[in-house]
Amino acid sequence: MGFRCGIVGLPNVGKSTLFNALTETAAAQAANYPFCTIEPNVGNVAVPDDRLQALAKIAGSAKIIETQLGFVDIAGLVRGASKGEGLGNQFLGNIREVDAIVHVLRCFENDDIQHVDNKVDPIADAETVETELMLSDLESLEKRVPNLQKKAAQGDKEAKIGASVLGQALDLLREGKPARLVQPKDAEEERVFKQAQLITAKPVLYVCNVNEEDAANGNDFSARVFDKAKAEGAEAVVVSAAIEAEIATMPAEERGEFLGELGLEETGLARVIRAGYSLLHLLTFFTVGPKEARAWTTHVGAKAPQAAGEIHTDFERGFIRAETIAYEDYVKFGGEAGARDNGKLRSEGKEYVVQDGDVMLFRFNV
């Protein structure tokens, strides 16, 4: 299980340039005019993880398989999108299908690149997009909630749950607040709320697209975005799409030196991934052997059978136990045999909560 992030923002903020750089492709045409991205471009990238290389080296794995992160480059939104302006309907349909929203905000001055509102104001840009998303959710719920309330009054249990939790969302939206502020009271409300697929319920990662000279420390524009993210419980990162585009064309062995010259320790992709993992409460576990070393993604709090299900549904259905070694112990004792000899290989049952970095072997019977 990777996760799928929709890259959104106003036209000409650097969405497609960032997408091209992140996926190391030129699949999205980057051009200096609105709507150059007509169809959503989808790209999967390998999630970089130095731990995987270390595990493969110890185990002598013939192949290394990273977990994947999906990016969807979605057409630029304009004011009035919720009413179908620009490519509004298409934009809103595409964004419902992603797990998280990567909201690219222009945090740089450049007279050669036109801004749709002829000014650089990332907070105003963010509010424009958020308003359109809230209006879309509001229109949807104003039709659905009254019907649910009517059915709930007639004794429909499912409708009663929906009327409660989606009624909360409707009240928030009417106050100009996103649906992600809803607090379901139990697992049933949580389930119904997720099924509603409200756009403003999705977690948000703000990407501050800055000039090259601001890539290391950000600037006044990005500082305001970070304040906004903190207030909302969202995530924010600083990225220079121009730098990422340049890195994407370089041989891998030259990238470290180039980043060092700019005062950067890692690529923007790595920062986006780490922030995305935090935002979606994800962790990585590993399977390791002579044939392959592989990284897998699951949610924080997942139990061993759920993690097994990320590999194959049969593993979850017939789960018996998970032989588990912490990453640090696997490395310290030189692999599975050393970890076992030192009492660091554990046999975990169905209630074991998977930890980030666990090296796991699942025993199952179907």
Protein backbone atom coordinates (compact mmCIF):
# COMPACT_ATOMS: atom_id res chain seq x y z
CA MET A 1 0.00 0.00 0.00
CA GLY A 2 1.48 3.30 -1.03
CA PHE A 3 -0.59 6.40 -0.88
CA ARG A 4 -1.86 8.69 -3.59
CA CYS A 5 -1.42 12.44 -3.35
CA GLY A 6 -3.25 14.89 -5.58
CA ILE A 7 -1.09 17.90 -6.48
CA VAL A 8 -3.38 20.93 -6.59
CA GLY A 9 -3.14 24.70 -6.69
CA LEU A 10 -3.98 27.73 -8.77
CA PRO A 11 -2.60 27.88 -12.33
CA ASN A 12 1.09 28.79 -12.71
CA VAL A 13 2.23 28.02 -9.16
CA GLY A 14 4.59 25.24 -10.26
CA LYS A 15 2.40 22.13 -9.94
CA SER A 16 3.40 20.47 -13.19
CA THR A 17 7.05 21.44 -12.83
CA LEU A 18 7.05 19.83 -9.39
CA PHE A 19 5.22 16.75 -10.68
CA ASN A 20 7.73 16.30 -13.50
CA ALA A 21 10.62 16.64 -11.10
CA LEU A 22 9.18 14.30 -8.49
CA THR A 23 8.36 11.55 -10.93
CA GLU A 24 11.46 12.24 -13.06
CA THR A 25 9.32 12.37 -16.16
CA ALA A 26 8.09 15.00 -18.56
CA ALA A 27 4.61 13.51 -18.58
CA ALA A 28 2.98 16.78 -17.57
CA GLN A 29 3.52 19.66 -19.96
CA ALA A 30 4.75 22.62 -17.92
CA ALA A 31 3.72 25.84 -19.63
CA ASN A 32 3.17 29.44 -18.64
CA TYR A 33 -0.58 29.57 -19.09
CA PRO A 34 -3.60 28.19 -17.21
CA PHE A 35 -4.93 24.69 -17.87
CA CYS A 36 -1.81 23.30 -19.52
CA THR A 37 -2.64 20.14 -17.54
CA ILE A 38 -5.91 18.94 -19.01
CA GLU A 39 -5.97 15.29 -17.91
CA PRO A 40 -4.63 14.27 -14.51
CA ASN A 41 -1.13 12.85 -14.94
CA VAL A 42 -0.29 10.00 -12.63
CA GLY A 43 3.22 8.99 -11.64
CA ASN A 44 4.54 6.50 -9.11
CA VAL A 45 7.89 7.09 -7.46
CA ALA A 46 9.99 4.84 -5.28
CA VAL A 47 10.09 5.95 -1.65
CA PRO A 48 13.78 6.40 -0.76
CA ASP A 49 14.80 4.52 2.39
CA ASP A 50 18.46 3.89 3.26
CA ARG A 51 17.39 1.11 5.63
CA LEU A 52 16.28 -1.03 2.69
CA GLN A 53 19.74 -0.87 1.11
CA ALA A 54 21.36 -1.88 4.41
CA LEU A 55 19.02 -4.85 4.86
CA ALA A 56 19.56 -6.05 1.30
CA LYS A 57 23.34 -5.90 1.73
CA ILE A 58 23.25 -7.99 4.91
CA ALA A 59 20.86 -10.57 3.42
CA GLY A 60 22.56 -10.65 0.01
CA SER A 61 19.20 -9.93 -1.62
CA ALA A 62 19.21 -10.24 -5.42
CA LYS A 63 16.58 -7.54 -5.81
CA ILE A 64 15.48 -4.41 -3.95
CA ILE A 65 11.86 -3.27 -4.18
CA GLU A 66 10.89 0.06 -2.63
CA THR A 67 7.38 0.95 -1.62
CA GLN A 68 5.64 3.35 -3.99
CA LEU A 69 4.17 6.80 -3.63
CA GLY A 70 1.66 7.99 -6.21
CA PHE A 71 1.35 11.57 -7.39
CA VAL A 72 -1.58 12.84 -9.44
CA ASP A 73 -1.06 16.18 -11.20
CA ILE A 74 -4.53 17.72 -11.30
CA ALA A 75 -5.60 20.61 -13.55
CA GLY A 76 -5.28 24.10 -12.06
CA LEU A 77 -8.32 25.35 -10.18
CA VAL A 78 -9.79 28.83 -10.54
CA ARG A 79 -12.33 30.83 -8.57
CA GLY A 80 -15.81 29.49 -9.37
CA ALA A 81 -14.66 25.89 -9.88
CA SER A 82 -17.39 24.62 -7.54
CA LYS A 83 -19.88 26.01 -10.08
CA GLY A 84 -18.05 24.47 -13.01
CA GLU A 85 -15.81 27.42 -13.93
CA GLY A 86 -12.59 26.54 -15.76
CA LEU A 87 -12.15 22.80 -15.44
CA GLY A 88 -13.96 22.80 -12.12
CA ASN A 89 -16.11 19.69 -12.39
CA GLN A 90 -13.22 17.61 -13.68
CA PHE A 91 -10.89 18.99 -11.01
CA LEU A 92 -13.31 18.18 -8.21
CA GLY A 93 -13.97 14.68 -9.54
CA ASN A 94 -10.27 13.87 -9.76
CA ILE A 95 -9.44 15.19 -6.30
CA ARG A 96 -12.06 13.01 -4.60
CA GLU A 97 -10.05 9.93 -5.58
CA VAL A 98 -6.80 10.77 -3.74
CA ASP A 99 -5.75 10.04 -0.15
CA ALA A 100 -4.20 13.42 0.58
CA ILE A 101 -3.96 16.85 -0.99
CA VAL A 102 -0.54 18.30 -1.81
CA HIS A 103 -1.34 21.98 -2.16
CA VAL A 104 1.39 23.83 -4.06
CA LEU A 105 1.60 27.51 -3.21
CA ARG A 106 3.64 30.09 -5.06
CA CYS A 107 6.12 31.62 -2.63
CA PHE A 108 8.40 33.38 -5.11
CA GLU A 109 8.47 36.60 -7.12
CA ASN A 110 9.07 36.33 -10.88
CA ASP A 111 7.79 38.91 -13.35
CA ASP A 112 8.24 36.44 -16.21
CA ILE A 113 5.68 34.01 -14.79
CA GLN A 114 2.12 35.30 -14.79
CA HIS A 115 0.04 34.83 -11.64
CA VAL A 116 -3.65 34.28 -12.20
CA ASP A 117 -4.47 37.16 -9.78
CA ASN A 118 -1.42 39.28 -10.75
CA LYS A 119 0.00 39.18 -7.22
CA VAL A 120 1.96 36.78 -5.02
CA ASP A 121 -0.03 35.93 -1.90
CA PRO A 122 0.13 32.23 -0.93
CA ILE A 123 -2.41 32.59 1.90
CA ALA A 124 -4.98 34.15 -0.43
CA ASP A 125 -4.23 31.42 -2.99
CA ALA A 126 -4.75 28.72 -0.38
CA GLU A 127 -8.03 30.29 0.71
CA THR A 128 -9.26 30.49 -2.90
CA VAL A 129 -8.74 26.76 -3.42
CA GLU A 130 -10.07 25.84 0.02
CA THR A 131 -13.20 27.94 -0.51
CA GLU A 132 -13.99 26.17 -3.79
CA LEU A 133 -13.50 22.78 -2.16
CA MET A 134 -15.72 23.74 0.78
CA LEU A 135 -18.43 25.04 -1.55
CA SER A 136 -18.40 21.74 -3.41
CA ASP A 137 -18.74 19.75 -0.18
CA LEU A 138 -21.42 22.15 1.08
CA GLU A 139 -23.52 21.70 -2.05
CA SER A 140 -23.21 17.92 -1.74
CA LEU A 141 -24.20 17.79 1.94
CA GLU A 142 -27.08 20.24 1.64
CA LYS A 143 -28.71 17.65 -0.60
CA ARG A 144 -27.75 14.56 1.39
CA VAL A 145 -28.19 15.52 5.05
CA PRO A 146 -31.94 16.40 4.90
CA ASN A 147 -32.63 13.02 3.26
CA LEU A 148 -30.63 11.26 5.97
CA GLN A 149 -32.47 13.17 8.70
CA LYS A 150 -35.82 12.16 7.21
CA LYS A 151 -34.81 8.47 7.11
CA ALA A 152 -33.34 8.68 10.63
CA ALA A 153 -36.67 9.97 11.94
CA GLN A 154 -38.28 6.84 10.47
CA GLY A 155 -35.92 4.61 12.47
CA ASP A 156 -33.20 3.89 9.88
CA LYS A 157 -30.10 3.15 12.00
CA GLU A 158 -27.54 3.78 9.22
CA ALA A 159 -29.23 7.05 8.31
CA LYS A 160 -29.13 8.13 11.95
CA ILE A 161 -25.34 7.67 12.02
CA GLY A 162 -24.98 9.56 8.75
CA ALA A 163 -27.26 12.39 9.82
CA SER A 164 -25.19 12.85 12.98
CA VAL A 165 -21.67 12.87 11.58
CA LEU A 166 -22.44 14.49 8.21
CA GLY A 167 -24.64 17.01 9.99
CA GLN A 168 -21.53 18.04 11.94
CA ALA A 169 -19.65 18.45 8.67
CA LEU A 170 -22.46 20.54 7.20
CA ASP A 171 -22.47 22.87 10.21
CA LEU A 172 -18.69 23.35 9.91
CA LEU A 173 -18.88 24.08 6.20
CA ARG A 174 -21.63 26.63 6.74
CA GLU A 175 -19.23 28.35 9.17
CA GLY A 176 -16.51 28.38 6.49
CA LYS A 177 -14.49 25.55 8.09
CA PRO A 178 -13.28 22.34 6.40
CA ALA A 179 -14.89 18.97 7.09
CA ARG A 180 -11.60 17.53 8.43
CA LEU A 181 -12.40 19.29 11.72
CA VAL A 182 -15.26 16.81 12.31
CA GLN A 183 -14.69 14.52 15.28
CA PRO A 184 -16.61 11.23 14.84
CA LYS A 185 -17.70 9.88 18.22
CA ASP A 186 -17.18 6.19 17.43
CA ALA A 187 -15.99 3.70 14.80
CA GLU A 188 -19.38 3.65 13.06
CA GLU A 189 -19.39 7.40 12.57
CA GLU A 190 -15.77 7.20 11.41
CA ARG A 191 -16.74 4.62 8.78
CA VAL A 192 -19.70 6.63 7.46
CA PHE A 193 -17.65 9.83 7.43
CA LYS A 194 -14.90 8.19 5.34
CA GLN A 195 -17.44 6.72 2.94
CA ALA A 196 -18.80 10.22 2.27
CA GLN A 197 -15.52 11.09 0.48
CA LEU A 198 -15.70 14.77 1.34
CA ILE A 199 -12.88 16.70 -0.32
CA THR A 200 -12.21 18.96 2.66
CA ALA A 201 -11.95 15.92 4.94
CA LYS A 202 -8.69 14.94 3.25
CA PRO A 203 -5.43 15.79 5.02
CA VAL A 204 -3.44 18.64 3.47
CA LEU A 205 0.28 19.10 2.86
CA TYR A 206 1.25 22.61 1.82
CA VAL A 207 4.27 22.77 -0.50
CA CYS A 208 5.88 26.20 -0.57
CA ASN A 209 7.46 26.59 -4.00
CA VAL A 210 10.35 29.02 -3.55
CA ASN A 211 13.23 30.39 -5.61
CA GLU A 212 16.54 28.53 -5.56
CA GLU A 213 18.14 30.94 -3.07
CA ASP A 214 15.34 30.33 -0.54
CA ALA A 215 15.31 26.52 -0.82
CA ALA A 216 17.32 25.93 2.36
CA ASN A 217 15.58 28.29 4.77
CA GLY A 218 12.40 29.49 3.10
CA ASN A 219 11.27 33.13 3.03
CA ASP A 220 8.59 35.45 4.40
CA PHE A 221 5.95 33.92 2.12
CA SER A 222 6.68 30.35 3.26
CA ALA A 223 6.82 31.41 6.92
CA ARG A 224 3.21 32.58 6.65
CA VAL A 225 2.22 29.24 5.11
CA PHE A 226 3.92 27.33 7.95
CA ASP A 227 1.95 29.40 10.47
CA LYS A 228 -1.27 28.56 8.62
CA ALA A 229 -0.41 24.84 8.53
CA LYS A 230 0.37 24.79 12.25
CA ALA A 231 -2.94 26.45 13.08
CA GLU A 232 -4.81 23.85 11.00
CA GLY A 233 -2.90 20.76 12.13
CA ALA A 234 -1.65 20.36 8.56
CA GLU A 235 1.92 19.82 7.29
CA ALA A 236 4.13 22.17 5.25
CA VAL A 237 7.45 21.83 3.46
CA VAL A 238 9.67 24.16 1.44
CA VAL A 239 10.60 22.98 -2.04
CA SER A 240 12.16 24.67 -5.06
CA ALA A 241 10.50 23.07 -8.07
CA ALA A 242 13.27 24.54 -10.24
CA ILE A 243 15.95 22.77 -8.18
CA GLU A 244 14.00 19.51 -8.18
CA ALA A 245 13.68 19.73 -11.97
CA GLU A 246 17.45 20.14 -12.27
CA ILE A 247 18.18 17.28 -9.87
CA ALA A 248 15.87 14.98 -11.85
CA THR A 249 18.16 15.28 -14.90
CA MET A 250 21.38 14.54 -12.97
CA PRO A 251 23.14 11.19 -12.54
CA ALA A 252 22.44 9.87 -9.02
CA GLU A 253 26.08 10.12 -7.96
CA GLU A 254 26.17 13.88 -8.64
CA ARG A 255 23.06 14.82 -6.70
CA GLY A 256 24.55 14.83 -3.22
CA GLU A 257 27.29 17.30 -4.13
CA PHE A 258 24.81 19.56 -5.91
CA LEU A 259 22.48 19.60 -2.91
CA GLY A 260 25.40 20.32 -0.58
CA GLU A 261 26.39 23.37 -2.62
CA LEU A 262 22.87 24.72 -2.10
CA GLY A 263 22.92 24.04 1.65
CA LEU A 264 20.42 21.18 1.34
CA GLU A 265 20.73 17.77 2.97
CA GLU A 266 18.05 16.00 0.92
CA THR A 267 15.78 16.42 -2.08
CA GLY A 268 12.35 17.99 -1.97
CA LEU A 269 10.93 14.56 -2.79
CA ALA A 270 12.31 13.16 0.46
CA ARG A 271 10.78 16.04 2.44
CA VAL A 272 7.42 15.64 0.72
CA ILE A 273 7.40 11.89 1.43
CA ARG A 274 8.32 12.29 5.10
CA ALA A 275 5.67 14.96 5.59
CA GLY A 276 3.14 12.82 3.74
CA TYR A 277 3.90 9.80 5.92
CA SER A 278 3.42 11.94 9.01
CA LEU A 279 0.21 13.42 7.66
CA LEU A 280 -1.35 10.05 6.84
CA HIS A 281 0.08 8.28 9.92
CA LEU A 282 2.01 5.71 7.89
CA LEU A 283 5.00 3.51 8.68
CA THR A 284 7.32 1.17 6.79
CA PHE A 285 8.03 -2.50 7.51
CA PHE A 286 10.29 -4.86 5.58
CA THR A 287 10.47 -8.39 4.25
CA VAL A 288 14.01 -9.61 3.58
CA GLY A 289 15.50 -12.71 1.96
CA PRO A 290 18.00 -13.88 -0.66
CA LYS A 291 15.57 -13.26 -3.52
CA GLU A 292 14.50 -9.74 -2.53
CA ALA A 293 14.45 -7.06 0.14
CA ARG A 294 11.18 -5.19 0.03
CA ALA A 295 9.61 -2.23 1.81
CA TRP A 296 5.89 -2.14 2.60
CA THR A 297 3.65 0.58 3.94
CA THR A 298 0.89 0.28 6.53
CA HIS A 299 -0.86 2.61 8.97
CA VAL A 300 0.46 3.45 12.40
CA GLY A 301 -1.42 1.22 14.84
CA ALA A 302 -1.87 -1.62 12.34
CA LYS A 303 -1.69 -5.09 13.85
CA ALA A 304 0.36 -7.92 12.39
CA PRO A 305 -2.49 -9.52 10.36
CA GLN A 306 -3.28 -6.15 8.74
CA ALA A 307 0.35 -5.71 7.76
CA ALA A 308 0.35 -9.24 6.34
CA GLY A 309 -2.70 -8.26 4.29
CA GLU A 310 -0.68 -5.51 2.59
CA ILE A 311 1.34 -8.32 0.99
CA HIS A 312 -1.57 -10.62 0.15
CA THR A 313 -5.11 -11.06 1.42
CA ASP A 314 -4.40 -14.79 2.02
CA PHE A 315 -1.66 -13.79 4.47
CA GLU A 316 -4.19 -11.88 6.56
CA ARG A 317 -6.95 -14.45 6.24
CA GLY A 318 -4.77 -17.37 7.30
CA PHE A 319 -2.46 -15.48 9.66
CA ILE A 320 -0.75 -17.64 12.31
CA ARG A 321 2.14 -15.53 13.56
CA ALA A 322 4.81 -13.03 12.51
CA GLU A 323 8.49 -13.65 13.13
CA THR A 324 9.72 -10.13 13.83
CA ILE A 325 13.09 -8.42 14.20
CA ALA A 326 13.56 -4.69 14.84
CA TYR A 327 15.62 -3.03 12.09
CA GLU A 328 18.34 -1.96 14.54
CA ASP A 329 18.70 -5.53 15.83
CA TYR A 330 18.79 -7.00 12.31
CA VAL A 331 21.69 -4.68 11.45
CA LYS A 332 23.49 -4.97 14.78
CA PHE A 333 23.55 -8.78 14.74
CA GLY A 334 24.18 -9.21 11.02
CA GLY A 335 20.87 -10.63 9.91
CA GLU A 336 18.20 -13.15 10.89
CA ALA A 337 20.49 -15.85 12.28
CA GLY A 338 22.44 -13.43 14.46
CA ALA A 339 19.25 -11.80 15.74
CA ARG A 340 17.80 -15.22 16.60
CA ASP A 341 20.96 -16.32 18.41
CA ASN A 342 20.84 -13.15 20.50
CA GLY A 343 17.18 -13.50 21.39
CA LYS A 344 16.05 -10.63 19.18
CA LEU A 345 13.76 -12.62 16.86
CA ARG A 346 10.28 -12.52 18.33
CA SER A 347 7.22 -14.59 17.51
CA GLU A 348 4.28 -12.18 17.52
CA GLY A 349 0.57 -12.99 17.37
CA LYS A 350 -2.57 -11.33 16.07
CA GLU A 351 -2.55 -8.49 18.59
CA TYR A 352 1.00 -7.32 17.86
CA VAL A 353 1.12 -3.66 16.77
CA VAL A 354 3.63 -3.25 13.94
CA GLN A 355 6.49 -0.81 14.55
CA ASP A 356 8.28 1.30 11.95
CA GLY A 357 11.32 -0.61 10.67
CA ASP A 358 10.14 -4.09 11.68
CA VAL A 359 11.62 -6.90 9.57
CA MET A 360 8.83 -9.49 9.33
CA LEU A 361 8.25 -13.02 8.13
CA PHE A 362 4.58 -14.04 8.15
CA ARG A 363 3.44 -17.59 8.86
CA PHE A 364 -0.01 -18.37 7.51
CA ASN A 365 -2.28 -21.26 6.57
CA VAL A 366 -5.16 -20.99 4.12
